[in-house]
Protein backbone atom coordinates (compact mmCIF):
# COMPACT_ATOMS: atom_id res chain seq x y z
CA MET A 1 162.14 -57.80 2.68
CA GLY A 2 161.10 -56.96 -0.35
CA ASP A 3 159.18 -59.41 -2.20
CA PRO A 4 160.79 -60.09 -6.11
CA GLY A 5 156.67 -60.82 -7.69
CA ALA A 6 154.96 -57.49 -6.25
CA LEU A 7 157.89 -55.72 -7.89
CA ALA A 8 156.85 -57.08 -10.79
CA ALA A 9 153.66 -57.99 -10.92
CA ALA A 10 153.15 -54.42 -12.94
CA GLY A 11 154.21 -55.34 -15.67
CA PRO A 12 158.30 -54.42 -17.35
CA HIS A 13 155.71 -51.14 -19.14
CA ARG A 14 154.64 -49.66 -15.46
CA ARG A 15 157.44 -50.75 -13.60
CA GLN A 16 160.11 -48.91 -15.36
CA ALA A 17 158.15 -45.69 -14.84
CA ALA A 18 158.42 -47.10 -11.13
CA LEU A 19 162.44 -46.67 -11.45
CA SER A 20 164.08 -44.44 -8.67
CA ALA A 21 166.18 -41.65 -10.14
CA HIS A 22 168.94 -43.15 -8.22
CA GLU A 23 168.02 -46.75 -9.51
CA ARG A 24 168.03 -45.01 -12.89
CA GLY A 25 170.93 -42.92 -13.03
CA ASP A 26 174.02 -41.93 -11.74
CA GLY A 27 173.30 -38.41 -9.93
CA PRO A 28 175.74 -35.83 -9.47
CA GLY A 29 178.19 -36.26 -6.68
CA ARG A 30 178.58 -40.08 -7.47
CA HIS A 31 181.96 -41.18 -6.61
CA ASP A 32 183.98 -44.53 -7.54
CA GLY A 33 182.83 -46.28 -4.23
CA GLU A 34 185.76 -47.99 -3.12
CA VAL A 35 187.06 -49.38 0.10
CA THR A 36 189.49 -47.37 2.00
CA THR A 37 190.57 -48.38 5.77
CA GLU A 38 188.69 -44.87 6.01
CA THR A 39 185.29 -46.44 5.34
CA ALA A 40 182.32 -47.73 7.29
CA ASP A 41 179.03 -48.81 6.46
CA ARG A 42 176.26 -47.81 7.70
CA ASP A 43 174.99 -49.97 10.63
CA GLY A 44 178.95 -50.14 11.49
CA SER A 45 178.63 -53.69 11.14
CA ALA A 46 182.38 -55.60 10.34
CA ARG A 47 183.02 -56.44 6.72
CA PRO A 48 184.65 -59.91 6.08
CA ALA A 49 188.05 -59.62 5.36
CA ARG A 50 189.80 -58.71 2.03
CA ALA A 51 192.67 -59.81 0.13
CA ALA A 52 195.57 -56.65 0.35
CA ARG A 53 195.93 -55.24 -3.12
CA SER A 54 199.53 -55.29 -4.50
CA GLY A 55 199.11 -51.82 -5.78
CA PRO A 56 197.24 -48.99 -6.53
CA ARG A 57 194.02 -49.08 -8.89
CA ALA A 58 192.13 -47.14 -11.39
CA ARG A 59 188.95 -45.47 -10.10
CA MET A 60 186.01 -46.20 -11.47
CA THR A 61 182.91 -42.93 -12.42
CA GLY A 62 179.83 -43.13 -10.49
CA LYS A 63 178.40 -44.65 -14.15
CA GLU A 64 181.22 -47.82 -14.09
CA ARG A 65 180.62 -48.38 -10.65
CA ARG A 66 176.45 -48.53 -11.22
CA GLU A 67 177.24 -51.35 -13.87
CA GLN A 68 179.12 -53.47 -11.82
CA LEU A 69 177.12 -52.99 -8.93
CA LEU A 70 174.52 -55.01 -11.63
CA ASP A 71 176.33 -56.98 -12.99
CA VAL A 72 177.47 -58.63 -9.15
CA GLY A 73 173.78 -57.87 -8.40
CA ARG A 74 173.07 -60.08 -11.38
CA ARG A 75 175.29 -63.14 -11.11
CA LEU A 76 174.44 -63.40 -7.11
CA PHE A 77 170.68 -62.79 -7.64
CA ALA A 78 171.26 -65.82 -10.81
CA GLU A 79 173.07 -68.15 -8.06
CA LYS A 80 170.71 -67.89 -4.68
CA GLY A 81 168.19 -65.95 -6.20
CA PHE A 82 166.35 -62.27 -4.14
CA GLU A 83 165.59 -63.57 -1.05
CA GLY A 84 168.98 -65.46 -0.99
CA THR A 85 171.09 -62.25 -1.57
CA SER A 86 171.68 -60.01 0.96
CA VAL A 87 173.53 -56.19 0.42
CA GLU A 88 176.14 -57.45 2.40
CA GLU A 89 177.34 -59.66 0.09
CA ILE A 90 176.61 -57.01 -2.99
CA ALA A 91 178.58 -55.08 -1.34
CA HIS A 92 181.81 -57.62 -0.57
CA THR A 93 181.78 -59.52 -3.31
CA ALA A 94 181.88 -55.46 -5.45
CA GLU A 95 184.60 -54.57 -3.14
CA VAL A 96 182.83 -51.66 -2.04
CA SER A 97 181.39 -50.59 1.01
CA LYS A 98 177.64 -50.85 1.30
CA PRO A 99 176.11 -47.34 2.23
CA VAL A 100 177.50 -47.31 -2.17
CA VAL A 101 175.11 -49.85 -2.39
CA TYR A 102 172.42 -47.73 -0.65
CA GLU A 103 173.90 -44.52 -2.73
CA HIS A 104 173.36 -46.00 -6.01
CA PHE A 105 169.48 -48.36 -5.47
CA GLY A 106 168.54 -47.57 -2.22
CA GLY A 107 169.14 -50.65 -1.70
CA LYS A 108 168.35 -54.74 -2.42
CA GLU A 109 165.37 -54.05 -3.65
CA GLY A 110 166.67 -51.17 -6.10
CA LEU A 111 169.42 -53.05 -7.04
CA TYR A 112 166.57 -56.13 -8.10
CA ALA A 113 164.59 -53.50 -10.10
CA VAL A 114 166.99 -52.92 -12.22
CA VAL A 115 168.43 -55.64 -12.73
CA VAL A 116 164.70 -58.11 -13.70
CA ASP A 117 163.70 -54.95 -16.12
CA ARG A 118 166.37 -54.90 -18.14
CA GLU A 119 166.37 -58.32 -18.29
CA ILE A 120 162.65 -58.08 -19.58
CA ARG A 121 163.66 -55.56 -21.67
CA LYS A 122 166.32 -58.14 -23.68
CA LEU A 123 164.23 -60.62 -23.74
CA LEU A 124 160.85 -58.73 -24.84
CA ASP A 125 162.95 -56.85 -27.07
CA ALA A 126 164.56 -60.19 -29.06
CA ILE A 127 160.80 -61.63 -29.47
CA THR A 128 159.13 -58.14 -30.12
CA ASP A 129 162.24 -57.82 -32.87
CA SER A 130 161.68 -61.39 -34.18
CA LEU A 131 158.08 -61.76 -35.11
CA THR A 132 158.61 -59.05 -37.35
CA THR A 133 161.34 -60.54 -39.68
CA ALA A 134 158.94 -63.42 -41.77
CA ASN A 135 155.14 -63.00 -43.11
CA HIS A 136 154.72 -66.40 -42.77
CA PRO A 137 153.21 -67.57 -39.76
CA ARG A 138 155.46 -70.70 -39.31
CA MET A 139 158.91 -68.68 -40.11
CA LEU A 140 157.20 -66.08 -38.05
CA LEU A 141 156.46 -69.49 -34.93
CA GLU A 142 160.09 -70.56 -35.89
CA HIS A 143 162.30 -67.30 -35.25
CA ALA A 144 160.34 -66.18 -31.91
CA ALA A 145 161.69 -69.77 -31.11
CA LEU A 146 164.46 -69.54 -31.34
CA ALA A 147 164.70 -65.73 -30.30
CA LEU A 148 164.01 -67.30 -26.97
CA LEU A 149 166.53 -70.02 -27.08
CA ASP A 150 168.87 -67.82 -27.76
CA TYR A 151 168.61 -65.82 -25.24
CA ILE A 152 168.60 -68.00 -22.70
CA GLU A 153 171.74 -69.82 -24.56
CA GLN A 154 173.42 -66.39 -24.50
CA SER A 155 171.37 -64.66 -20.72
CA THR A 156 171.04 -67.39 -19.34
CA ASP A 157 171.72 -65.48 -15.68
CA GLY A 158 169.18 -63.25 -16.65
CA PHE A 159 166.78 -66.25 -17.91
CA ARG A 160 167.94 -67.99 -14.94
CA ILE A 161 166.89 -64.84 -12.72
CA LEU A 162 162.51 -64.35 -14.20
CA VAL A 163 162.40 -67.53 -13.68
CA ARG A 164 163.29 -68.25 -10.32
CA ASP A 165 161.59 -66.09 -8.04
CA SER A 166 158.86 -65.91 -10.70
CA PRO A 167 157.54 -69.08 -12.26
CA VAL A 168 155.93 -69.10 -15.70
CA ALA A 169 152.92 -71.48 -14.10
CA GLN A 170 152.50 -67.97 -11.70
CA SER A 171 149.80 -65.70 -12.42
CA THR A 172 151.72 -62.86 -10.91
CA GLY A 173 154.89 -61.81 -11.07
CA THR A 174 158.27 -61.20 -13.37
CA PHE A 175 157.84 -63.97 -16.04
CA ALA A 176 154.33 -64.47 -16.01
CA SER A 177 154.27 -60.79 -16.63
CA LEU A 178 156.04 -61.07 -19.63
CA ILE A 179 154.92 -64.16 -21.36
CA SER A 180 151.72 -61.65 -21.39
CA ASP A 181 153.33 -59.37 -22.19
CA VAL A 182 154.28 -61.89 -25.82
CA ALA A 183 150.69 -63.37 -25.73
CA GLY A 184 149.36 -59.97 -26.76
CA GLN A 185 151.24 -59.52 -29.60
CA VAL A 186 151.26 -63.21 -30.55
CA GLU A 187 147.32 -62.56 -30.14
CA HIS A 188 146.50 -60.98 -33.18
CA LEU A 189 148.96 -62.39 -35.68
CA LEU A 190 147.01 -65.42 -34.43
CA GLY A 191 143.79 -63.52 -35.56
CA ASP A 192 144.82 -62.73 -39.05
CA GLU A 193 145.56 -66.54 -39.69
CA PHE A 194 141.99 -67.94 -38.06
CA ARG A 195 140.09 -65.86 -40.11
CA ARG A 196 142.19 -67.14 -43.49
CA ARG A 197 141.50 -69.86 -42.47
CA GLY A 198 137.29 -69.85 -41.34
CA LEU A 199 138.23 -69.89 -37.88
CA ASP A 200 136.57 -67.85 -34.55
CA PRO A 201 139.41 -65.04 -34.38
CA LYS A 202 137.79 -64.93 -30.95
CA ALA A 203 139.61 -67.87 -29.69
CA ALA A 204 142.64 -66.53 -30.76
CA PRO A 205 143.60 -64.70 -27.27
CA LEU A 206 143.28 -67.77 -25.46
CA TYR A 207 145.84 -70.34 -28.15
CA ALA A 208 148.03 -67.18 -27.74
CA GLN A 209 148.62 -67.71 -24.11
CA MET A 210 149.13 -71.68 -25.37
CA LEU A 211 150.98 -70.97 -27.65
CA VAL A 212 153.61 -68.82 -25.62
CA GLY A 213 153.26 -70.49 -22.43
CA MET A 214 154.61 -74.15 -24.24
CA VAL A 215 157.16 -72.16 -25.99
CA ALA A 216 158.18 -70.32 -22.71
CA LEU A 217 158.21 -73.67 -20.31
CA THR A 218 160.37 -75.48 -22.86
CA GLY A 219 163.55 -72.88 -22.26
CA GLN A 220 162.60 -73.48 -18.73
CA PHE A 221 163.26 -77.09 -19.09
CA TRP A 222 166.32 -76.37 -21.29
CA LEU A 223 167.84 -74.17 -19.29
CA ASP A 224 168.81 -76.35 -17.07
CA HIS A 225 169.03 -79.55 -19.39
CA ARG A 226 170.55 -78.45 -22.44
CA SER A 227 169.89 -80.97 -24.65
CA PRO A 228 169.24 -81.71 -27.74
CA LYS A 229 170.57 -78.78 -29.23
CA LYS A 230 169.23 -75.08 -29.58
CA ALA A 231 167.46 -75.09 -33.30
CA GLU A 232 166.31 -79.76 -32.43
CA VAL A 233 164.71 -77.81 -29.59
CA ALA A 234 163.20 -74.93 -31.99
CA ALA A 235 162.42 -77.49 -34.21
CA HIS A 236 159.94 -79.72 -31.90
CA LEU A 237 158.27 -77.03 -30.94
CA VAL A 238 157.49 -75.57 -33.69
CA ASN A 239 156.77 -78.78 -35.22
CA LEU A 240 153.89 -79.59 -32.67
CA ALA A 241 152.95 -76.15 -32.42
CA TRP A 242 152.77 -76.00 -36.37
CA ASN A 243 151.31 -79.02 -36.70
CA GLY A 244 148.34 -78.77 -33.92
CA LEU A 245 147.64 -75.70 -35.36
CA SER A 246 146.84 -76.76 -39.17
CA GLY A 247 144.33 -79.07 -37.56
CA LEU A 248 142.67 -77.33 -35.38
CA GLU A 249 138.80 -77.95 -36.06
CA LYS A 250 135.98 -75.00 -36.09
CA LYS A 251 133.97 -76.48 -32.98
CA PRO A 252 136.16 -78.29 -30.52
CA ALA A 253 134.50 -80.60 -28.29
CA LEU A 254 135.67 -83.62 -26.10
CA GLN A 255 135.76 -87.23 -27.36
CA SER A 256 135.17 -87.98 -23.59
CA THR A 257 132.45 -86.03 -23.18
CA LYS A 258 130.13 -87.08 -26.16
CA ARG A 259 130.42 -91.16 -25.59
CA THR A 260 129.19 -90.59 -21.68
CA ARG A 261 126.24 -88.57 -23.26
């Protein structure tokens, strides 16, 4: 059984290069894979009974079938997780034989890798774009928070996949890798702001991790609660983050430590 954390640990950029030809395209000879009475599973096992169709249905092209399998896999992985989803269930839901899933993706692991890679690129692109739409640091923070919440609202299944099998609290895995990528982009913005305020820019990487982690954990909370409204959540995030950044001390120290000396 594949490990979803291991599949994603290399990070979104290196992971894409590792995807096989079957995972990236619909190679020659692909067919729609529609189940008929003449189609059998690779291992010869019986498939769950399906309702008879009332009439003929147009056959899918290889590309259409691949996208259908990705949609089915995305829904099942979001609902049941990687371990709880089987190739048989994916094939049954898509109304194809199991060999069709193997033909397009090489197995469940390949399908999962493509689904995760798409979601990471979608979210990373949205946040990256948000960091180029304003000049003032506070506006950048607002746009980034809204970009994450927009993604959660519009791609709920995708975000659930990213955080279900690799929670943000873990140091490795899908979501941790994404957090690291986003923090890397925020780091140079914070560094510039620190210099402008006379603060030590060497602390920017640490603060970038804090800031992005705070937003990500809030996103996980909002994923299930959906209250308060999106704009209000973003406003509270910005309130805490911006006012916290505004009051940074040049040389912070723990007050409790001072009292015990």
